[in-house]
Amino acid sequence: MVDSYETERMGEAGETQTLEVDELTDEMAEYRCRPHEGQMRGEIEARSTENG
């Protein structure tokens, strides 16, 4: 369930966070800032942590 994933609130411009998930779904294609959903959205960059 996508709603169960969230990060800590950030206070400084330019800060980044990492969220690790076991399996990505199509529903996870966009990030939405919960308090500012109308203005703060962005694409999610997925990276594999597997070697090989």
PDB file of N, CA and C in Angstrom:
ATOM      1  N   MET A   1       0.842  -1.190   0.000  1.00  0.00           N
ATOM      2  CA  MET A   1       0.000   0.000   0.000  1.00  0.00           C
ATOM      3  C   MET A   1       0.878   1.240   0.000  1.00  0.00           C
ATOM      4  N   VAL A   2       0.672   2.125  -0.910  1.00  0.00           N
ATOM      5  CA  VAL A   2       1.511   3.304  -1.070  1.00  0.00           C
ATOM      6  C   VAL A   2       1.380   4.270   0.100  1.00  0.00           C
ATOM      7  N   ASP A   3       0.194   4.443   0.640  1.00  0.00           N
ATOM      8  CA  ASP A   3      -0.004   5.400   1.726  1.00  0.00           C
ATOM      9  C   ASP A   3       0.813   5.084   2.972  1.00  0.00           C
ATOM     10  N   SER A   4       1.301   3.870   3.102  1.00  0.00           N
ATOM     11  CA  SER A   4       2.057   3.502   4.290  1.00  0.00           C
ATOM     12  C   SER A   4       3.516   3.952   4.222  1.00  0.00           C
ATOM     13  N   TYR A   5       3.981   4.444   3.080  1.00  0.00           N
ATOM     14  CA  TYR A   5       5.352   4.925   2.937  1.00  0.00           C
ATOM     15  C   TYR A   5       5.388   6.429   3.132  1.00  0.00           C
ATOM     16  N   GLU A   6       6.288   6.881   3.983  1.00  0.00           N
ATOM     17  CA  GLU A   6       6.461   8.314   4.154  1.00  0.00           C
ATOM     18  C   GLU A   6       7.855   8.611   4.687  1.00  0.00           C
ATOM     19  N   THR A   7       8.293   9.840   4.506  1.00  0.00           N
ATOM     20  CA  THR A   7       9.593  10.283   4.990  1.00  0.00           C
ATOM     21  C   THR A   7       9.374  11.318   6.091  1.00  0.00           C
ATOM     22  N   GLU A   8      10.459  11.703   6.735  1.00  0.00           N
ATOM     23  CA  GLU A   8      10.401  12.741   7.762  1.00  0.00           C
ATOM     24  C   GLU A   8      10.167  14.094   7.107  1.00  0.00           C
ATOM     25  N   ARG A   9       9.602  15.029   7.838  1.00  0.00           N
ATOM     26  CA  ARG A   9       9.456  16.395   7.314  1.00  0.00           C
ATOM     27  C   ARG A   9      10.822  17.042   7.242  1.00  0.00           C
ATOM     28  N   MET A  10      11.012  17.854   6.214  1.00  0.00           N
ATOM     29  CA  MET A  10      12.290  18.526   6.006  1.00  0.00           C
ATOM     30  C   MET A  10      12.087  20.023   6.119  1.00  0.00           C
ATOM     31  N   GLY A  11      13.109  20.735   6.571  1.00  0.00           N
ATOM     32  CA  GLY A  11      12.969  22.160   6.780  1.00  0.00           C
ATOM     33  C   GLY A  11      13.874  23.031   5.930  1.00  0.00           C
ATOM     34  N   GLU A  12      14.879  22.457   5.294  1.00  0.00           N
ATOM     35  CA  GLU A  12      15.843  23.232   4.519  1.00  0.00           C
ATOM     36  C   GLU A  12      15.694  22.966   3.031  1.00  0.00           C
ATOM     37  N   ALA A  13      15.776  24.022   2.238  1.00  0.00           N
ATOM     38  CA  ALA A  13      15.719  23.875   0.781  1.00  0.00           C
ATOM     39  C   ALA A  13      16.899  23.037   0.307  1.00  0.00           C
ATOM     40  N   GLY A  14      16.652  22.145  -0.639  1.00  0.00           N
ATOM     41  CA  GLY A  14      17.705  21.326  -1.208  1.00  0.00           C
ATOM     42  C   GLY A  14      17.984  20.032  -0.468  1.00  0.00           C
ATOM     43  N   GLU A  15      17.333  19.803   0.658  1.00  0.00           N
ATOM     44  CA  GLU A  15      17.525  18.557   1.391  1.00  0.00           C
ATOM     45  C   GLU A  15      16.984  17.387   0.577  1.00  0.00           C
ATOM     46  N   THR A  16      17.554  16.226   0.757  1.00  0.00           N
ATOM     47  CA  THR A  16      17.063  15.022   0.104  1.00  0.00           C
ATOM     48  C   THR A  16      16.884  13.926   1.149  1.00  0.00           C
ATOM     49  N   GLN A  17      16.068  12.957   0.803  1.00  0.00           N
ATOM     50  CA  GLN A  17      15.866  11.800   1.656  1.00  0.00           C
ATOM     51  C   GLN A  17      15.815  10.553   0.797  1.00  0.00           C
ATOM     52  N   THR A  18      16.076   9.426   1.412  1.00  0.00           N
ATOM     53  CA  THR A  18      16.014   8.140   0.731  1.00  0.00           C
ATOM     54  C   THR A  18      14.967   7.287   1.418  1.00  0.00           C
ATOM     55  N   LEU A  19      14.156   6.622   0.625  1.00  0.00           N
ATOM     56  CA  LEU A  19      13.139   5.712   1.130  1.00  0.00           C
ATOM     57  C   LEU A  19      13.346   4.371   0.446  1.00  0.00           C
ATOM     58  N   GLU A  20      13.613   3.333   1.222  1.00  0.00           N
ATOM     59  CA  GLU A  20      13.837   2.007   0.647  1.00  0.00           C
ATOM     60  C   GLU A  20      12.549   1.201   0.692  1.00  0.00           C
ATOM     61  N   VAL A  21      12.214   0.582  -0.441  1.00  0.00           N
ATOM     62  CA  VAL A  21      11.048  -0.294  -0.541  1.00  0.00           C
ATOM     63  C   VAL A  21      11.492  -1.601  -1.186  1.00  0.00           C
ATOM     64  N   ASP A  22      10.777  -2.670  -0.883  1.00  0.00           N
ATOM     65  CA  ASP A  22      11.133  -3.973  -1.427  1.00  0.00           C
ATOM     66  C   ASP A  22      10.688  -4.145  -2.874  1.00  0.00           C
ATOM     67  N   GLU A  23       9.545  -3.564  -3.225  1.00  0.00           N
ATOM     68  CA  GLU A  23       9.008  -3.731  -4.572  1.00  0.00           C
ATOM     69  C   GLU A  23       8.302  -2.449  -5.008  1.00  0.00           C
ATOM     70  N   LEU A  24       8.654  -1.946  -6.193  1.00  0.00           N
ATOM     71  CA  LEU A  24       8.011  -0.748  -6.722  1.00  0.00           C
ATOM     72  C   LEU A  24       6.761  -1.111  -7.507  1.00  0.00           C
ATOM     73  N   THR A  25       5.776  -0.223  -7.451  1.00  0.00           N
ATOM     74  CA  THR A  25       4.561  -0.393  -8.235  1.00  0.00           C
ATOM     75  C   THR A  25       4.336   0.871  -9.062  1.00  0.00           C
ATOM     76  N   ASP A  26       3.442   0.807 -10.046  1.00  0.00           N
ATOM     77  CA  ASP A  26       3.121   1.979 -10.866  1.00  0.00           C
ATOM     78  C   ASP A  26       2.559   3.114 -10.028  1.00  0.00           C
ATOM     79  N   GLU A  27       1.927   2.808  -8.901  1.00  0.00           N
ATOM     80  CA  GLU A  27       1.368   3.845  -8.034  1.00  0.00           C
ATOM     81  C   GLU A  27       2.453   4.710  -7.410  1.00  0.00           C
ATOM     82  N   MET A  28       3.688   4.251  -7.414  1.00  0.00           N
ATOM     83  CA  MET A  28       4.794   4.966  -6.781  1.00  0.00           C
ATOM     84  C   MET A  28       5.556   5.846  -7.758  1.00  0.00           C
ATOM     85  N   ALA A  29       4.955   6.278  -8.828  1.00  0.00           N
ATOM     86  CA  ALA A  29       5.636   7.058  -9.856  1.00  0.00           C
ATOM     87  C   ALA A  29       5.770   8.530  -9.496  1.00  0.00           C
ATOM     88  N   GLU A  30       5.027   9.015  -8.518  1.00  0.00           N
ATOM     89  CA  GLU A  30       5.045  10.437  -8.180  1.00  0.00           C
ATOM     90  C   GLU A  30       5.094  10.623  -6.670  1.00  0.00           C
ATOM     91  N   TYR A  31       5.924  11.577  -6.244  1.00  0.00           N
ATOM     92  CA  TYR A  31       5.998  11.961  -4.839  1.00  0.00           C
ATOM     93  C   TYR A  31       5.016  13.092  -4.595  1.00  0.00           C
ATOM     94  N   ARG A  32       4.329  13.053  -3.482  1.00  0.00           N
ATOM     95  CA  ARG A  32       3.431  14.145  -3.093  1.00  0.00           C
ATOM     96  C   ARG A  32       3.733  14.548  -1.665  1.00  0.00           C
ATOM     97  N   CYS A  33       3.971  15.821  -1.450  1.00  0.00           N
ATOM     98  CA  CYS A  33       4.175  16.350  -0.105  1.00  0.00           C
ATOM     99  C   CYS A  33       2.812  16.403   0.574  1.00  0.00           C
ATOM    100  N   ARG A  34       2.637  15.640   1.627  1.00  0.00           N
ATOM    101  CA  ARG A  34       1.323  15.548   2.258  1.00  0.00           C
ATOM    102  C   ARG A  34       0.768  16.909   2.694  1.00  0.00           C
ATOM    103  N   PRO A  35       1.524  17.762   3.371  1.00  0.00           N
ATOM    104  CA  PRO A  35       0.930  19.049   3.758  1.00  0.00           C
ATOM    105  C   PRO A  35       0.734  20.027   2.595  1.00  0.00           C
ATOM    106  N   HIS A  36       1.449  19.807   1.479  1.00  0.00           N
ATOM    107  CA  HIS A  36       1.407  20.753   0.356  1.00  0.00           C
ATOM    108  C   HIS A  36       1.131  20.039  -0.973  1.00  0.00           C
ATOM    109  N   GLU A  37       0.198  19.114  -0.986  1.00  0.00           N
ATOM    110  CA  GLU A  37      -0.040  18.281  -2.170  1.00  0.00           C
ATOM    111  C   GLU A  37      -0.341  19.070  -3.439  1.00  0.00           C
ATOM    112  N   GLY A  38      -0.959  20.231  -3.318  1.00  0.00           N
ATOM    113  CA  GLY A  38      -1.308  21.023  -4.485  1.00  0.00           C
ATOM    114  C   GLY A  38      -0.117  21.660  -5.175  1.00  0.00           C
ATOM    115  N   GLN A  39       0.968  21.934  -4.430  1.00  0.00           N
ATOM    116  CA  GLN A  39       2.115  22.616  -5.005  1.00  0.00           C
ATOM    117  C   GLN A  39       3.379  21.761  -5.073  1.00  0.00           C
ATOM    118  N   MET A  40       3.553  20.842  -4.145  1.00  0.00           N
ATOM    119  CA  MET A  40       4.824  20.123  -4.051  1.00  0.00           C
ATOM    120  C   MET A  40       4.663  18.671  -4.457  1.00  0.00           C
ATOM    121  N   ARG A  41       5.061  18.403  -5.712  1.00  0.00           N
ATOM    122  CA  ARG A  41       5.031  17.053  -6.268  1.00  0.00           C
ATOM    123  C   ARG A  41       6.288  16.848  -7.086  1.00  0.00           C
ATOM    124  N   GLY A  42       6.644  15.613  -7.302  1.00  0.00           N
ATOM    125  CA  GLY A  42       7.820  15.344  -8.120  1.00  0.00           C
ATOM    126  C   GLY A  42       7.898  13.892  -8.510  1.00  0.00           C
ATOM    127  N   GLU A  43       8.722  13.611  -9.507  1.00  0.00           N
ATOM    128  CA  GLU A  43       8.918  12.246  -9.963  1.00  0.00           C
ATOM    129  C   GLU A  43       9.817  11.505  -8.981  1.00  0.00           C
ATOM    130  N   ILE A  44       9.596  10.212  -8.874  1.00  0.00           N
ATOM    131  CA  ILE A  44      10.423   9.377  -8.015  1.00  0.00           C
ATOM    132  C   ILE A  44      11.511   8.740  -8.863  1.00  0.00           C
ATOM    133  N   GLU A  45      12.744   8.808  -8.376  1.00  0.00           N
ATOM    134  CA  GLU A  45      13.890   8.181  -9.046  1.00  0.00           C
ATOM    135  C   GLU A  45      14.150   6.853  -8.370  1.00  0.00           C
ATOM    136  N   ALA A  46      14.054   5.765  -9.106  1.00  0.00           N
ATOM    137  CA  ALA A  46      14.268   4.433  -8.560  1.00  0.00           C
ATOM    138  C   ALA A  46      15.663   3.935  -8.911  1.00  0.00           C
ATOM    139  N   ARG A  47      16.333   3.368  -7.916  1.00  0.00           N
ATOM    140  CA  ARG A  47      17.670   2.791  -8.118  1.00  0.00           C
ATOM    141  C   ARG A  47      17.691   1.401  -7.507  1.00  0.00           C
ATOM    142  N   SER A  48      18.307   0.485  -8.180  1.00  0.00           N
ATOM    143  CA  SER A  48      18.447  -0.863  -7.665  1.00  0.00           C
ATOM    144  C   SER A  48      19.642  -0.921  -6.726  1.00  0.00           C
ATOM    145  N   THR A  49      19.492  -1.648  -5.634  1.00  0.00           N
ATOM    146  CA  THR A  49      20.609  -1.834  -4.702  1.00  0.00           C
ATOM    147  C   THR A  49      21.273  -3.182  -4.908  1.00  0.00           C
ATOM    148  N   GLU A  50      20.806  -3.935  -5.908  1.00  0.00           N
ATOM    149  CA  GLU A  50      21.383  -5.243  -6.207  1.00  0.00           C
ATOM    150  C   GLU A  50      22.702  -5.077  -6.933  1.00  0.00           C
ATOM    151  N   ASN A  51      23.630  -5.925  -6.631  1.00  0.00           N
ATOM    152  CA  ASN A  51      24.924  -5.935  -7.333  1.00  0.00           C
ATOM    153  C   ASN A  51      24.872  -6.995  -8.427  1.00  0.00           C
ATOM    154  N   GLY A  52      25.190  -6.591  -9.651  1.00  0.00           N
ATOM    155  CA  GLY A  52      25.242  -7.584 -10.714  1.00  0.00           C
ATOM    156  C   GLY A  52      24.296  -7.289 -11.746  1.00  0.00           C
TER     157      GLY A  52
END
